[in-house]
């Protein structure tokens, strides 16, 4: 009797268990899988698009409010340095006098540095701008400015401008501290060609007259296309270099005429009363003191 009852219970439990779904079936019911159709093909992940250089309008090339373009690079810079690498930047304007002995390799007879700039502007191979680099200066305007050089005693006569009389140029550059290289680098932006006030004595008004400002990037490409544009080594002609290489190596002497260091108004040194009262000597000493301040500023940056 007991054996028959046990057999009946086992049979009933087996029938009941067969009617219940298994654990795997329950899991499939809770999370149904989607069956891909035979027509669909698997898509491969696409790589991120590389940044594209964007040509910025000319208005962004102003020195008063210079900006980086949408890719993070300065359109006037020759260093190709992203703004995230710049820890410190200081805008300076320098004057180079080619009559000084240390600068004479740039001013050899027949291959004067200013001769190439003037000839390039006349031929239209170089694009001239105004002081702020916001507006282009036409070739006709430059030729017209040259024709204005008349002798006041004889208005009918025209003073012929010679390249060797343009013995000075202004450089505008950024002194930047590269956080990646941990060094200070000079980033020249433009070169201003002007007629010095003492070039023709009384033939022109007693002030510097700007002819045009050229972008340094354009000037480097133009000079590299001229084999005659060479910096002559007076001690060893085998070490002659291109003008662009000599400028990159800072093989010239210059004087600061304008700097933003402790000068929020951006005035030139000779326009600051504290320096101009003592004449040219005090202006020269002030420029040298600013050079020393820049050196000490660089030493302070290494402490970070």
Protein backbone atom coordinates (compact mmCIF):
# COMPACT_ATOMS: atom_id res chain seq x y z
CA UNK A 1 0.00 0.00 0.00
CA UNK A 2 2.75 2.43 0.93
CA UNK A 3 4.71 1.60 -2.22
CA UNK A 4 1.69 2.34 -4.40
CA UNK A 5 1.16 5.72 -2.70
CA UNK A 6 4.81 6.64 -3.22
CA UNK A 7 4.63 5.71 -6.92
CA UNK A 8 1.48 7.84 -7.34
CA UNK A 9 3.17 10.88 -5.71
CA UNK A 10 6.28 10.53 -7.87
CA UNK A 11 4.16 10.28 -11.01
CA UNK A 12 2.15 13.38 -10.01
CA UNK A 13 5.30 15.42 -9.31
CA UNK A 14 6.77 14.44 -12.65
CA UNK A 15 3.66 15.51 -14.55
CA UNK A 16 3.57 18.83 -12.66
CA UNK A 17 7.24 19.52 -13.30
CA UNK A 18 6.85 18.82 -17.00
CA UNK A 19 4.10 21.41 -17.26
CA UNK A 20 6.28 24.23 -15.70
CA UNK A 21 8.74 26.19 -17.99
CA UNK A 22 12.43 25.81 -17.36
CA UNK A 23 14.67 28.64 -16.00
CA UNK A 24 16.22 29.18 -19.38
CA UNK A 25 12.79 29.52 -20.96
CA UNK A 26 11.77 32.06 -18.28
CA UNK A 27 14.94 34.08 -19.00
CA UNK A 28 14.20 34.09 -22.70
CA UNK A 29 10.68 35.29 -22.05
CA UNK A 30 11.89 38.13 -19.83
CA UNK A 31 14.60 39.34 -22.28
CA UNK A 32 13.54 38.57 -25.83
CA UNK A 33 16.31 38.89 -28.38
CA UNK A 34 15.89 40.82 -31.57
CA UNK A 35 16.55 38.91 -34.73
CA UNK A 36 18.34 40.97 -37.33
CA UNK A 37 16.86 40.82 -40.75
CA UNK A 38 18.87 39.23 -43.49
CA UNK A 39 18.89 42.43 -45.52
CA UNK A 40 20.69 44.58 -42.88
CA UNK A 41 24.50 44.69 -42.85
CA UNK A 42 26.60 45.54 -39.77
CA UNK A 43 27.98 49.12 -39.81
CA UNK A 44 31.59 49.81 -38.89
CA UNK A 45 32.36 52.67 -36.45
CA UNK A 46 33.61 55.77 -38.29
CA UNK A 47 36.84 57.46 -37.22
CA UNK A 48 36.59 61.05 -35.91
CA UNK A 49 37.16 63.64 -38.61
CA UNK A 50 40.51 65.45 -38.56
CA UNK A 51 40.42 69.19 -37.79
CA UNK A 52 40.20 71.28 -40.93
CA UNK A 53 42.13 74.54 -41.29
CA UNK A 54 39.69 77.40 -41.56
CA UNK A 55 40.56 80.58 -43.43
CA UNK A 56 39.67 83.39 -41.09
CA UNK A 57 38.58 86.81 -42.33
CA UNK A 58 41.11 89.60 -42.42
CA UNK A 59 39.47 91.38 -39.51
CA UNK A 60 40.97 88.85 -37.06
CA UNK A 61 44.49 90.01 -37.96
CA UNK A 62 44.34 93.17 -35.88
CA UNK A 63 47.13 93.77 -33.38
CA UNK A 64 44.78 95.57 -31.04
CA UNK A 65 42.56 92.50 -30.58
CA UNK A 66 44.41 89.60 -32.18
CA UNK A 67 42.54 86.32 -31.99
CA UNK A 68 43.21 82.67 -32.68
CA UNK A 69 41.15 81.05 -35.38
CA UNK A 70 38.67 78.25 -34.81
CA UNK A 71 41.43 75.61 -34.88
CA UNK A 72 43.33 77.30 -32.03
CA UNK A 73 46.21 78.65 -34.12
CA UNK A 74 47.33 82.21 -34.72
CA UNK A 75 46.97 83.02 -38.45
CA UNK A 76 50.00 85.35 -38.28
CA UNK A 77 52.31 82.98 -36.43
CA UNK A 78 55.17 81.07 -38.02
CA UNK A 79 55.65 78.77 -35.01
CA UNK A 80 52.53 76.66 -35.69
CA UNK A 81 51.88 76.57 -31.93
CA UNK A 82 48.45 75.78 -30.52
CA UNK A 83 47.14 78.25 -27.97
CA UNK A 84 46.97 75.51 -25.31
CA UNK A 85 50.79 75.40 -25.37
CA UNK A 86 51.21 79.10 -24.61
CA UNK A 87 51.66 79.81 -20.93
CA UNK A 88 52.74 83.45 -21.24
CA UNK A 89 52.68 85.98 -24.07
CA UNK A 90 53.99 89.53 -24.35
CA UNK A 91 53.54 91.79 -27.39
CA UNK A 92 56.62 93.85 -28.32
CA UNK A 93 57.63 96.18 -31.14
CA UNK A 94 61.29 96.49 -32.05
CA UNK A 95 63.26 98.69 -34.41
CA UNK A 96 66.24 97.40 -36.36
CA UNK A 97 68.78 99.92 -37.58
CA UNK A 98 70.84 98.43 -40.41
CA UNK A 99 73.44 101.17 -40.06
CA UNK A 100 74.65 99.52 -36.86
CA UNK A 101 77.71 97.33 -37.31
CA UNK A 102 76.02 94.15 -36.01
CA UNK A 103 73.22 94.56 -38.58
CA UNK A 104 75.34 95.36 -41.61
CA UNK A 105 75.29 91.73 -42.91
CA UNK A 106 71.60 92.39 -43.67
CA UNK A 107 72.48 95.53 -45.63
CA UNK A 108 75.17 94.66 -48.14
CA UNK A 109 75.30 96.84 -51.23
CA UNK A 110 72.89 95.57 -53.85
CA UNK A 111 71.23 93.09 -51.49
CA UNK A 112 69.78 95.36 -48.83
CA UNK A 113 67.03 93.84 -46.73
CA UNK A 114 64.70 96.77 -47.40
CA UNK A 115 65.41 96.61 -51.15
CA UNK A 116 63.67 93.25 -51.43
CA UNK A 117 60.65 94.49 -49.47
CA UNK A 118 60.34 97.65 -51.55
CA UNK A 119 60.79 95.82 -54.86
CA UNK A 120 58.27 93.17 -53.79
CA UNK A 121 55.68 95.83 -52.97
CA UNK A 122 56.27 97.64 -56.25
CA UNK A 123 55.97 94.43 -58.27
CA UNK A 124 52.89 93.30 -56.37
CA UNK A 125 54.63 90.13 -55.14
CA UNK A 126 54.16 91.27 -51.55
CA UNK A 127 50.82 92.39 -50.12
CA UNK A 128 50.97 95.59 -48.10
CA UNK A 129 48.67 96.38 -45.18
CA UNK A 130 48.00 99.27 -42.86
CA UNK A 131 49.43 99.38 -39.34
CA UNK A 132 46.66 97.23 -37.87
CA UNK A 133 46.78 94.65 -40.69
CA UNK A 134 43.04 95.06 -41.16
CA UNK A 135 43.13 96.69 -44.59
CA UNK A 136 45.21 95.95 -47.64
CA UNK A 137 47.28 98.71 -49.22
CA UNK A 138 47.22 98.73 -52.99
CA UNK A 139 50.26 98.90 -55.21
CA UNK A 140 48.95 102.19 -56.61
CA UNK A 141 48.86 103.71 -53.12
CA UNK A 142 52.47 102.73 -52.42
CA UNK A 143 53.67 104.21 -55.70
CA UNK A 144 51.67 107.35 -54.92
CA UNK A 145 53.34 107.69 -51.52
CA UNK A 146 56.73 107.42 -53.18
CA UNK A 147 55.80 110.12 -55.68
CA UNK A 148 54.91 112.50 -52.82
CA UNK A 149 58.59 112.82 -51.92
CA UNK A 150 59.14 116.25 -53.40
CA UNK A 151 61.61 118.94 -52.57
CA UNK A 152 59.72 121.78 -50.85
CA UNK A 153 62.08 124.31 -52.47
CA UNK A 154 61.27 122.95 -55.92
CA UNK A 155 57.75 121.41 -55.99
CA UNK A 156 58.23 120.31 -59.60
CA UNK A 157 61.10 118.01 -58.66
CA UNK A 158 60.61 114.51 -57.28
CA UNK A 159 63.03 113.01 -54.79
CA UNK A 160 64.03 109.52 -55.85
CA UNK A 161 63.88 107.05 -53.00
CA UNK A 162 66.77 104.61 -52.85
CA UNK A 163 66.53 101.34 -50.91
CA UNK A 164 69.74 102.08 -49.04
CA UNK A 165 68.05 105.13 -47.54
CA UNK A 166 65.47 102.89 -45.88
CA UNK A 167 67.88 101.73 -43.20
CA UNK A 168 65.34 100.97 -40.49
CA UNK A 169 62.34 98.67 -40.10
CA UNK A 170 59.93 97.88 -37.29
CA UNK A 171 59.23 94.33 -36.18
CA UNK A 172 56.09 93.41 -34.25
CA UNK A 173 56.40 90.11 -32.46
CA UNK A 174 55.07 88.05 -29.58
CA UNK A 175 57.35 86.82 -26.84
CA UNK A 176 55.72 83.52 -25.88
CA UNK A 177 56.62 80.91 -23.30
CA UNK A 178 56.04 77.44 -24.68
CA UNK A 179 54.87 75.21 -21.82
CA UNK A 180 55.62 72.08 -23.86
CA UNK A 181 59.26 72.98 -24.54
CA UNK A 182 59.69 75.09 -21.38
CA UNK A 183 61.40 77.86 -23.28
CA UNK A 184 60.75 81.39 -24.49
CA UNK A 185 60.28 81.79 -28.23
CA UNK A 186 60.07 84.83 -30.48
CA UNK A 187 57.15 84.87 -32.90
CA UNK A 188 57.52 87.67 -35.46
CA UNK A 189 54.19 88.74 -36.98
CA UNK A 190 54.88 91.68 -39.27
CA UNK A 191 57.51 94.04 -40.63
CA UNK A 192 56.77 97.73 -41.14
CA UNK A 193 58.64 99.56 -43.87
CA UNK A 194 58.79 103.30 -43.37
CA UNK A 195 60.67 106.37 -44.57
CA UNK A 196 62.83 107.71 -41.71
CA UNK A 197 62.46 111.39 -40.95
CA UNK A 198 66.18 111.98 -41.52
CA UNK A 199 66.32 110.19 -44.88
CA UNK A 200 66.03 113.33 -47.00
CA UNK A 201 66.85 116.07 -44.51
CA UNK A 202 64.33 118.84 -45.31
CA UNK A 203 62.85 117.20 -48.38
CA UNK A 204 59.99 115.57 -46.48
CA UNK A 205 58.09 116.49 -43.30
CA UNK A 206 60.01 115.70 -40.08
CA UNK A 207 58.21 112.48 -39.16
CA UNK A 208 58.40 108.81 -40.07
CA UNK A 209 56.11 107.99 -42.97
CA UNK A 210 54.85 104.41 -43.18
CA UNK A 211 54.84 102.90 -46.64
CA UNK A 212 53.30 99.52 -45.85
CA UNK A 213 53.25 96.66 -43.36
CA UNK A 214 53.89 93.14 -44.63
CA UNK A 215 53.06 89.91 -42.89
CA UNK A 216 56.15 88.04 -41.80
CA UNK A 217 54.87 84.74 -43.18
CA UNK A 218 54.53 86.30 -46.64
CA UNK A 219 57.94 87.96 -46.33
CA UNK A 220 59.69 84.69 -45.45
CA UNK A 221 58.21 82.92 -48.47
CA UNK A 222 59.16 85.85 -50.69
CA UNK A 223 62.76 86.03 -49.42
CA UNK A 224 63.23 82.28 -49.79
CA UNK A 225 62.37 82.62 -53.48
CA UNK A 226 65.20 85.14 -53.96
CA UNK A 227 68.68 83.54 -54.00
CA UNK A 228 70.29 86.98 -53.61
CA UNK A 229 68.56 87.59 -50.27
CA UNK A 230 71.47 86.35 -48.16
CA UNK A 231 72.94 87.35 -44.83
CA UNK A 232 76.67 87.80 -45.44
CA UNK A 233 78.98 86.50 -42.75
CA UNK A 234 81.89 88.99 -42.64
CA UNK A 235 84.25 86.47 -40.99
CA UNK A 236 83.45 83.36 -43.05
CA UNK A 237 81.59 83.44 -46.36
CA UNK A 238 80.97 79.70 -46.09
CA UNK A 239 78.53 80.49 -43.29
CA UNK A 240 76.34 82.85 -45.31
CA UNK A 241 72.66 82.29 -44.59
CA UNK A 242 69.31 83.24 -45.98
CA UNK A 243 67.65 86.30 -44.51
CA UNK A 244 64.86 84.13 -43.13
CA UNK A 245 67.32 81.83 -41.34
CA UNK A 246 69.29 84.77 -39.94
CA UNK A 247 66.11 86.30 -38.56
CA UNK A 248 65.04 82.98 -37.06
CA UNK A 249 68.45 82.68 -35.34
CA UNK A 250 68.16 86.29 -34.07
CA UNK A 251 71.41 87.37 -35.76
CA UNK A 252 70.53 91.03 -35.42
CA UNK A 253 70.54 93.81 -32.85
CA UNK A 254 67.28 95.59 -32.06
CA UNK A 255 65.77 97.99 -29.57
CA UNK A 256 62.35 97.78 -27.95
CA UNK A 257 60.18 100.75 -28.88
CA UNK A 258 56.84 99.47 -27.58
CA UNK A 259 55.87 96.80 -25.09
CA UNK A 260 52.78 95.88 -23.09
CA UNK A 261 54.77 95.07 -19.95
CA UNK A 262 53.50 97.43 -17.21
CA UNK A 263 52.08 99.53 -20.04
CA UNK A 264 48.31 98.94 -20.27
CA UNK A 265 47.81 101.92 -22.60
CA UNK A 266 50.22 100.46 -25.16
CA UNK A 267 52.10 103.73 -25.65
CA UNK A 268 55.51 103.81 -27.26
CA UNK A 269 58.50 104.39 -25.00
CA UNK A 270 59.24 107.81 -26.48
CA UNK A 271 55.62 108.82 -25.80
CA UNK A 272 55.83 108.06 -22.06
CA UNK A 273 56.70 111.24 -20.21
CA UNK A 274 58.76 109.41 -17.59
CA UNK A 275 61.22 108.37 -20.30
CA UNK A 276 60.99 111.14 -22.88
CA UNK A 277 61.95 113.98 -20.52
CA UNK A 278 65.60 112.96 -20.57
CA UNK A 279 65.85 112.83 -24.35
CA UNK A 280 67.19 110.06 -26.55
CA UNK A 281 69.62 108.81 -23.92
CA UNK A 282 66.90 108.15 -21.33
CA UNK A 283 64.74 106.45 -23.99
CA UNK A 284 67.64 104.15 -24.88
CA UNK A 285 68.26 103.33 -21.20
CA UNK A 286 64.54 102.64 -20.71
CA UNK A 287 64.61 100.23 -23.64
CA UNK A 288 67.59 98.40 -22.18
CA UNK A 289 65.90 98.17 -18.78
CA UNK A 290 62.90 96.57 -20.43
CA UNK A 291 65.19 93.96 -21.96
CA UNK A 292 66.47 93.13 -18.48
CA UNK A 293 62.90 92.91 -17.17
CA UNK A 294 62.04 90.39 -19.89
CA UNK A 295 65.01 88.24 -18.89
CA UNK A 296 63.98 88.32 -15.23
CA UNK A 297 60.40 87.54 -16.23
CA UNK A 298 61.58 84.45 -18.07
CA UNK A 299 63.57 83.32 -15.03
CA UNK A 300 60.47 83.67 -12.85
CA UNK A 301 58.47 81.45 -15.20
CA UNK A 302 60.83 78.54 -14.60
CA UNK A 303 59.77 78.50 -10.94
CA UNK A 304 56.25 77.27 -11.83
